[in-house]
């Protein structure tokens, strides 16, 4: 199978879709007869691209303009290489493959992943241009041969936008159990001065919908019964100042700790340092959790997790099997879930171990890439 992976988001940039594209590319390249990634040019890309075991071609400087850079180039490229599949990590770049197929007859199939926000976002909402954008998007969707939503929630969004179940296959995200695995991180606890504390952890961008403020409010009450509780927040974002002010106003500086961005290499240490990973996300369309890879990373380190019923999180967290699912914006449920996790450590540890087993058996990038590859191959031959 000859495949072009077209993505607006790719290393050295970081983020969920960057991880998705990179992890799939590393594996698909091993199995395909020809494999190339087409991505925007970014600072530092030249050095990083030399480290890949597959070809990466860069176009332009801005991810939003990748389509325009590819339009004059892709028809000849896919025809010359007899590309069977153009796989897009988001629908916004699909027009380049449609144009190429109209001009050259290649690619034979156009496949597209679906995450969530990109399906809900309308840059022209509440403007006269909105109906034109929606018609344009619908026409693009009609040209996609098959979709790969990362969760049942994302599949349901596609259904609402006219994509039948026959036209989509849910293939959930994964993580790397060889990178995220259980080990003793007591050294980091000592470095941070958190020995003998019961640690909650959130790793995320600091935005309103992640629910960090909900955890802080709950900590304010739980600390009376569990004085050794500590909440570590890793990440940066526009709500950082407001969250820190909230902590200061409630005199919680000895309970809530902000650690900013940490290196990608340091993440496994933080997961292994905590007792419970918690991220009570809430829906604020178009911003919504399409899946939640961080839950898998924590589970891969054998840590129990707490998430909400928002978006695709129930696909990432199996309630009462790998963690607990609560209603979004429900402080009482959040409080009970945290208390139970910290007061019943043996039961909580069992959830973490089951989460690790699930990652090892199913939700790892090797399995995810294999399912994607086999489904694409079947669609080509059907």
Protein backbone atom coordinates (compact mmCIF):
# COMPACT_ATOMS: atom_id res chain seq x y z
CA UNK A 1 0.00 0.00 0.00
CA UNK A 2 1.32 3.44 -0.99
CA UNK A 3 0.28 6.14 1.48
CA UNK A 4 0.63 9.88 1.89
CA UNK A 5 -0.09 11.19 5.39
CA UNK A 6 -1.12 14.84 5.23
CA UNK A 7 -1.19 16.74 8.50
CA UNK A 8 -1.30 20.36 9.62
CA UNK A 9 0.19 19.34 12.97
CA UNK A 10 3.47 17.46 13.24
CA UNK A 11 6.69 17.48 15.30
CA UNK A 12 8.65 19.40 16.34
CA UNK A 13 5.37 21.07 17.32
CA UNK A 14 3.67 19.38 20.27
CA UNK A 15 0.05 18.55 21.01
CA UNK A 16 -2.53 15.81 20.71
CA UNK A 17 -2.78 15.69 16.91
CA UNK A 18 0.99 16.06 16.58
CA UNK A 19 1.36 12.95 18.77
CA UNK A 20 -1.36 11.12 16.81
CA UNK A 21 0.29 11.87 13.45
CA UNK A 22 3.81 11.08 14.63
CA UNK A 23 2.99 7.78 16.35
CA UNK A 24 0.96 6.52 13.39
CA UNK A 25 3.59 7.63 10.88
CA UNK A 26 6.38 5.74 12.66
CA UNK A 27 4.42 2.50 12.35
CA UNK A 28 2.67 2.90 9.00
CA UNK A 29 6.03 3.65 7.38
CA UNK A 30 7.22 0.15 8.34
CA UNK A 31 4.32 -1.59 6.63
CA UNK A 32 3.66 0.52 3.54
CA UNK A 33 5.38 0.05 0.19
CA UNK A 34 5.75 3.82 -0.02
CA UNK A 35 5.09 6.33 2.78
CA UNK A 36 5.56 10.10 2.99
CA UNK A 37 4.40 12.74 5.46
CA UNK A 38 3.38 16.15 4.10
CA UNK A 39 3.42 18.84 6.79
CA UNK A 40 4.02 22.58 7.27
CA UNK A 41 7.54 23.93 7.65
CA UNK A 42 8.34 25.00 11.22
CA UNK A 43 11.50 26.10 13.02
CA UNK A 44 13.75 23.17 13.83
CA UNK A 45 11.94 20.79 11.49
CA UNK A 46 14.94 20.14 9.27
CA UNK A 47 17.01 18.63 12.07
CA UNK A 48 14.11 16.56 13.44
CA UNK A 49 13.09 15.26 10.01
CA UNK A 50 16.51 13.66 9.56
CA UNK A 51 15.81 11.44 12.55
CA UNK A 52 12.69 9.88 11.05
CA UNK A 53 12.78 6.56 9.20
CA UNK A 54 10.44 7.96 6.56
CA UNK A 55 10.31 10.93 4.23
CA UNK A 56 8.85 14.23 5.45
CA UNK A 57 8.12 16.97 2.94
CA UNK A 58 7.49 20.47 4.26
CA UNK A 59 5.36 23.16 2.63
CA UNK A 60 4.94 26.78 3.66
CA UNK A 61 5.24 28.11 7.19
CA UNK A 62 1.69 28.07 8.56
CA UNK A 63 -0.43 25.00 9.18
CA UNK A 64 -3.60 26.79 8.11
CA UNK A 65 -2.03 27.40 4.67
CA UNK A 66 -0.87 23.83 4.01
CA UNK A 67 -3.74 23.31 1.57
CA UNK A 68 -2.68 26.22 -0.62
CA UNK A 69 0.94 25.04 -0.64
CA UNK A 70 -0.05 21.51 -1.64
CA UNK A 71 -2.58 22.35 -4.37
CA UNK A 72 -0.05 22.93 -7.21
CA UNK A 73 2.25 20.13 -6.02
CA UNK A 74 0.14 17.15 -4.94
CA UNK A 75 -1.47 16.08 -8.25
CA UNK A 76 1.86 15.33 -9.91
CA UNK A 77 3.32 13.88 -6.70
CA UNK A 78 0.58 11.30 -6.09
CA UNK A 79 0.39 10.40 -9.80
CA UNK A 80 4.15 9.95 -10.12
CA UNK A 81 4.26 7.74 -7.00
CA UNK A 82 0.95 5.90 -7.70
CA UNK A 83 -0.31 6.88 -4.26
CA UNK A 84 -3.28 4.73 -3.31
CA UNK A 85 -4.24 6.52 -0.09
CA UNK A 86 -4.09 10.07 1.16
CA UNK A 87 -4.73 9.93 4.88
CA UNK A 88 -5.54 13.29 6.48
CA UNK A 89 -5.33 13.86 10.22
CA UNK A 90 -8.00 16.59 9.89
CA UNK A 91 -10.59 17.37 7.24
CA UNK A 92 -9.31 20.89 6.53
CA UNK A 93 -6.52 19.61 4.23
CA UNK A 94 -8.72 17.24 2.23
CA UNK A 95 -9.30 19.72 -0.60
CA UNK A 96 -5.71 19.15 -1.79
CA UNK A 97 -6.39 15.41 -2.25
CA UNK A 98 -9.73 16.06 -3.93
CA UNK A 99 -8.02 18.40 -6.40
CA UNK A 100 -5.24 15.87 -7.02
CA UNK A 101 -7.74 13.08 -7.70
CA UNK A 102 -9.68 15.25 -10.13
CA UNK A 103 -6.50 16.13 -12.03
CA UNK A 104 -4.55 12.87 -11.99
CA UNK A 105 -6.88 10.09 -10.85
CA UNK A 106 -4.79 9.63 -7.69
CA UNK A 107 -5.13 9.00 -4.80
CA UNK A 108 -7.53 6.10 -5.19
CA UNK A 109 -8.92 6.64 -1.68
CA UNK A 110 -9.15 9.63 0.64
CA UNK A 111 -9.33 8.81 4.35
CA UNK A 112 -9.64 11.28 7.21
CA UNK A 113 -9.30 11.11 10.98
CA UNK A 114 -11.81 12.95 13.16
CA UNK A 115 -11.01 14.27 16.63
CA UNK A 116 -13.84 16.64 17.65
CA UNK A 117 -13.09 20.35 17.74
CA UNK A 118 -12.36 20.62 14.02
CA UNK A 119 -15.81 19.16 13.29
CA UNK A 120 -17.58 21.66 15.56
CA UNK A 121 -15.59 24.80 14.81
CA UNK A 122 -17.17 27.31 12.45
CA UNK A 123 -14.93 30.36 11.99
CA UNK A 124 -17.83 32.26 10.41
CA UNK A 125 -20.49 31.44 12.99
CA UNK A 126 -23.10 34.17 13.40
CA UNK A 127 -21.91 35.92 10.23
CA UNK A 128 -23.42 36.03 6.72
CA UNK A 129 -20.59 33.73 5.56
CA UNK A 130 -21.64 30.86 7.84
CA UNK A 131 -24.06 29.12 5.40
CA UNK A 132 -21.40 29.19 2.67
CA UNK A 133 -18.83 27.65 4.99
CA UNK A 134 -21.22 24.87 6.03
CA UNK A 135 -22.01 24.05 2.39
CA UNK A 136 -18.30 24.03 1.55
CA UNK A 137 -17.59 21.68 4.45
CA UNK A 138 -20.43 19.37 3.47
CA UNK A 139 -19.07 19.08 -0.08
CA UNK A 140 -15.63 18.26 1.26
CA UNK A 141 -17.09 15.61 3.58
CA UNK A 142 -18.89 14.00 0.64
CA UNK A 143 -15.55 13.40 -1.12
CA UNK A 144 -13.99 11.51 1.80
CA UNK A 145 -14.13 7.75 1.20
CA UNK A 146 -13.91 6.75 4.86
CA UNK A 147 -13.55 8.39 8.27
CA UNK A 148 -11.64 7.32 11.37
CA UNK A 149 -13.16 9.02 14.43
CA UNK A 150 -11.12 8.57 17.62
CA UNK A 151 -14.17 8.02 19.86
CA UNK A 152 -17.85 7.19 19.77
CA UNK A 153 -18.57 10.82 20.60
CA UNK A 154 -16.66 11.98 17.53
CA UNK A 155 -18.46 9.39 15.40
CA UNK A 156 -21.77 10.80 16.65
CA UNK A 157 -20.72 14.29 15.55
CA UNK A 158 -20.02 12.91 12.08
CA UNK A 159 -23.42 11.22 12.06
CA UNK A 160 -25.09 14.52 12.89
CA UNK A 161 -23.24 16.05 9.94
CA UNK A 162 -24.48 13.44 7.48
CA UNK A 163 -21.79 10.72 7.64
CA UNK A 164 -23.34 7.26 7.96
CA UNK A 165 -21.96 4.57 10.26
CA UNK A 166 -20.88 2.60 7.17
CA UNK A 167 -18.63 5.51 6.23
CA UNK A 168 -16.74 5.59 9.52
CA UNK A 169 -14.77 3.26 11.79
CA UNK A 170 -14.00 4.21 15.37
CA UNK A 171 -10.31 3.64 16.10
CA UNK A 172 -9.48 4.96 19.54
CA UNK A 173 -6.27 6.74 20.39
CA UNK A 174 -3.41 4.99 22.11
CA UNK A 175 -0.23 5.63 24.04
CA UNK A 176 3.22 4.07 24.36
CA UNK A 177 3.42 1.54 27.25
CA UNK A 178 7.19 1.29 26.75
CA UNK A 179 7.53 4.98 27.52
CA UNK A 180 4.77 5.32 30.09
CA UNK A 181 5.12 2.48 32.58
CA UNK A 182 5.12 2.07 36.40
CA UNK A 183 8.33 2.87 38.29
CA UNK A 184 9.40 4.37 41.60
CA UNK A 185 9.18 8.17 41.42
CA UNK A 186 9.75 8.83 45.13
CA UNK A 187 12.80 10.85 44.13
CA UNK A 188 10.60 13.43 42.43
CA UNK A 189 8.36 13.55 45.50
CA UNK A 190 11.43 14.42 47.59
CA UNK A 191 12.59 17.02 45.07
CA UNK A 192 9.20 18.72 45.27
CA UNK A 193 8.94 18.39 49.05
CA UNK A 194 5.84 16.22 48.80
CA UNK A 195 6.91 13.11 50.70
CA UNK A 196 4.09 11.46 52.62
CA UNK A 197 1.48 13.49 50.72
CA UNK A 198 -1.52 12.06 48.86
CA UNK A 199 -1.01 13.57 45.45
CA UNK A 200 -3.60 14.42 42.81
CA UNK A 201 -2.19 15.31 39.39
CA UNK A 202 -3.45 17.14 36.33
CA UNK A 203 -1.34 17.53 33.19
CA UNK A 204 -3.00 19.78 30.64
CA UNK A 205 -3.19 23.19 29.03
CA UNK A 206 -4.59 25.63 31.57
CA UNK A 207 -7.88 26.58 29.98
CA UNK A 208 -11.33 26.94 31.51
CA UNK A 209 -12.86 23.74 30.18
CA UNK A 210 -10.28 21.44 31.81
CA UNK A 211 -12.00 21.87 35.19
CA UNK A 212 -8.91 22.65 37.27
CA UNK A 213 -10.92 25.24 39.19
CA UNK A 214 -13.40 22.52 40.16
CA UNK A 215 -10.60 20.44 41.69
CA UNK A 216 -9.29 23.47 43.61
CA UNK A 217 -12.75 24.09 45.08
CA UNK A 218 -13.01 20.47 46.17
CA UNK A 219 -9.52 20.54 47.71
CA UNK A 220 -10.68 23.43 49.88
CA UNK A 221 -13.20 21.10 51.53
CA UNK A 222 -11.35 17.78 51.44
CA UNK A 223 -8.27 19.18 53.19
CA UNK A 224 -10.14 19.23 56.48
CA UNK A 225 -10.53 15.44 56.43
CA UNK A 226 -7.40 14.59 54.41
CA UNK A 227 -4.83 17.21 55.48
CA UNK A 228 -2.01 15.42 53.64
CA UNK A 229 -3.67 15.99 50.25
CA UNK A 230 -1.68 17.83 47.57
CA UNK A 231 -2.70 18.85 44.06
CA UNK A 232 0.01 19.22 41.40
CA UNK A 233 -0.89 21.01 38.17
CA UNK A 234 1.48 20.66 35.21
CA UNK A 235 1.04 22.89 32.18
CA UNK A 236 0.61 26.49 31.08
CA UNK A 237 -2.22 28.44 29.53
CA UNK A 238 -4.36 31.57 29.60
CA UNK A 239 -6.09 30.68 32.89
CA UNK A 240 -2.86 30.26 34.87
CA UNK A 241 -2.99 33.66 36.57
CA UNK A 242 -6.67 33.32 37.46
CA UNK A 243 -6.15 29.83 38.91
CA UNK A 244 -3.19 30.99 41.00
CA UNK A 245 -5.23 33.93 42.27
CA UNK A 246 -8.02 31.50 43.20
CA UNK A 247 -5.55 29.40 45.20
CA UNK A 248 -4.20 32.48 46.96
CA UNK A 249 -7.67 33.78 47.78
CA UNK A 250 -8.54 30.47 49.42
CA UNK A 251 -5.17 30.18 51.21
CA UNK A 252 -4.39 26.88 49.51
CA UNK A 253 -0.73 27.52 48.64
CA UNK A 254 0.35 24.56 50.79
CA UNK A 255 -2.09 22.26 48.98
CA UNK A 256 -2.03 23.32 45.31
CA UNK A 257 1.23 23.51 43.34
CA UNK A 258 1.72 24.82 39.80
CA UNK A 259 4.72 23.42 37.94
CA UNK A 260 4.32 25.03 34.52
CA UNK A 261 5.53 23.18 31.45
CA UNK A 262 7.81 20.21 32.01
CA UNK A 263 9.82 18.41 29.37
CA UNK A 264 8.17 15.61 27.45
CA UNK A 265 10.80 13.28 28.85
CA UNK A 266 9.80 14.19 32.42
CA UNK A 267 6.11 13.33 32.07
CA UNK A 268 6.41 9.65 33.13
CA UNK A 269 8.04 10.78 36.41
CA UNK A 270 5.10 13.05 37.19
CA UNK A 271 2.52 10.38 36.41
CA UNK A 272 4.35 7.89 38.62
CA UNK A 273 4.68 10.42 41.43
CA UNK A 274 0.93 10.84 41.87
CA UNK A 275 -1.68 8.70 43.59
CA UNK A 276 -4.54 9.76 41.31
CA UNK A 277 -4.76 11.52 37.96
CA UNK A 278 -7.78 13.82 37.69
CA UNK A 279 -9.09 16.02 34.88
CA UNK A 280 -12.81 16.91 35.20
CA UNK A 281 -13.20 18.43 31.73
CA UNK A 282 -16.40 20.10 30.69
CA UNK A 283 -17.94 20.79 27.30
CA UNK A 284 -17.67 24.28 25.84
CA UNK A 285 -18.32 23.71 22.14
CA UNK A 286 -16.47 23.85 19.87
CA UNK A 287 -13.86 23.12 22.54
CA UNK A 288 -14.41 19.63 23.87
CA UNK A 289 -12.34 16.60 24.83
CA UNK A 290 -12.46 14.38 21.76
CA UNK A 291 -10.73 11.59 23.65
CA UNK A 292 -8.11 12.43 26.30
CA UNK A 293 -4.74 10.71 25.74
CA UNK A 294 -3.51 11.91 29.15
CA UNK A 295 -5.86 9.41 30.80
CA UNK A 296 -4.16 6.59 28.91
CA UNK A 297 -0.71 7.89 29.80
CA UNK A 298 -1.66 7.86 33.49
CA UNK A 299 -3.23 4.41 33.17
CA UNK A 300 -0.11 3.14 31.42
CA UNK A 301 1.78 4.13 34.58
CA UNK A 302 -0.77 2.03 36.53
CA UNK A 303 -2.45 5.10 38.01
CA UNK A 304 -6.22 5.35 38.56
CA UNK A 305 -7.92 8.24 36.82
CA UNK A 306 -10.96 10.45 37.28
CA UNK A 307 -12.68 11.95 34.25
CA UNK A 308 -16.10 13.27 33.29
CA UNK A 309 -18.79 12.19 30.85
CA UNK A 310 -17.74 15.07 28.58
CA UNK A 311 -17.01 14.37 24.92
CA UNK A 312 -14.97 11.25 24.19
CA UNK A 313 -13.58 10.77 27.72
CA UNK A 314 -15.77 7.69 28.36
CA UNK A 315 -13.81 5.99 25.55
CA UNK A 316 -10.54 6.82 27.28
CA UNK A 317 -11.72 5.93 30.80
CA UNK A 318 -13.77 2.81 31.52
CA UNK A 319 -15.94 3.65 34.52
CA UNK A 320 -15.16 1.46 37.54
CA UNK A 321 -12.66 -0.53 35.45
CA UNK A 322 -9.74 1.82 34.75
CA UNK A 323 -10.99 4.84 36.67
CA UNK A 324 -14.14 6.73 37.57
CA UNK A 325 -16.43 8.74 35.29
CA UNK A 326 -18.44 11.52 36.94
CA UNK A 327 -20.92 14.05 35.60
CA UNK A 328 -19.27 17.22 34.39
CA UNK A 329 -19.61 20.25 36.70
CA UNK A 330 -20.72 17.99 39.58
CA UNK A 331 -18.61 19.02 42.58
CA UNK A 332 -20.25 16.49 44.89
CA UNK A 333 -19.41 13.57 42.60
CA UNK A 334 -15.89 14.88 42.13
CA UNK A 335 -15.40 15.15 45.89
CA UNK A 336 -16.70 11.62 46.47
CA UNK A 337 -14.52 10.20 43.70
CA UNK A 338 -11.36 11.82 45.06
CA UNK A 339 -12.15 10.78 48.62
CA UNK A 340 -12.81 7.19 47.57
CA UNK A 341 -9.58 7.00 45.56
CA UNK A 342 -7.48 8.31 48.46
CA UNK A 343 -9.27 6.44 51.24
CA UNK A 344 -9.43 3.10 49.38
CA UNK A 345 -5.92 2.90 47.89
CA UNK A 346 -6.05 -0.85 47.25
CA UNK A 347 -9.22 -0.53 45.19
CA UNK A 348 -7.85 2.54 43.42
CA UNK A 349 -4.60 0.71 42.64
CA UNK A 350 -6.64 -2.11 41.12
CA UNK A 351 -8.20 0.37 38.68
CA UNK A 352 -4.72 1.59 37.77
CA UNK A 353 -3.45 -1.94 37.14
CA UNK A 354 -6.47 -2.69 34.97
CA UNK A 355 -5.81 0.52 33.06
CA UNK A 356 -2.24 -0.58 32.44
CA UNK A 357 -3.44 -3.95 31.16
CA UNK A 358 -5.91 -2.27 28.79
CA UNK A 359 -3.15 -0.11 27.33
CA UNK A 360 -0.85 -3.10 26.89
CA UNK A 361 -3.51 -5.17 25.17
CA UNK A 362 -5.48 -2.66 23.13
CA UNK A 363 -4.92 1.08 23.46
CA UNK A 364 -1.29 1.33 22.41
CA UNK A 365 -0.03 2.92 19.22
CA UNK A 366 1.07 -0.41 17.75
CA UNK A 367 -2.48 -1.77 17.96
CA UNK A 368 -4.02 1.52 16.84
CA UNK A 369 -1.79 1.73 13.77
CA UNK A 370 -2.43 -1.93 12.94
CA UNK A 371 -6.22 -1.44 13.05
CA UNK A 372 -5.94 1.66 10.90
CA UNK A 373 -3.65 -0.04 8.38
CA UNK A 374 -5.83 -3.15 8.05
CA UNK A 375 -9.01 -1.10 7.68
CA UNK A 376 -7.48 1.11 5.01
CA UNK A 377 -6.22 -1.91 3.11
CA UNK A 378 -9.65 -3.54 3.24
CA UNK A 379 -11.28 -0.35 1.96
CA UNK A 380 -8.87 -0.19 -0.97
CA UNK A 381 -9.73 -3.75 -1.95
CA UNK A 382 -13.48 -3.42 -1.43
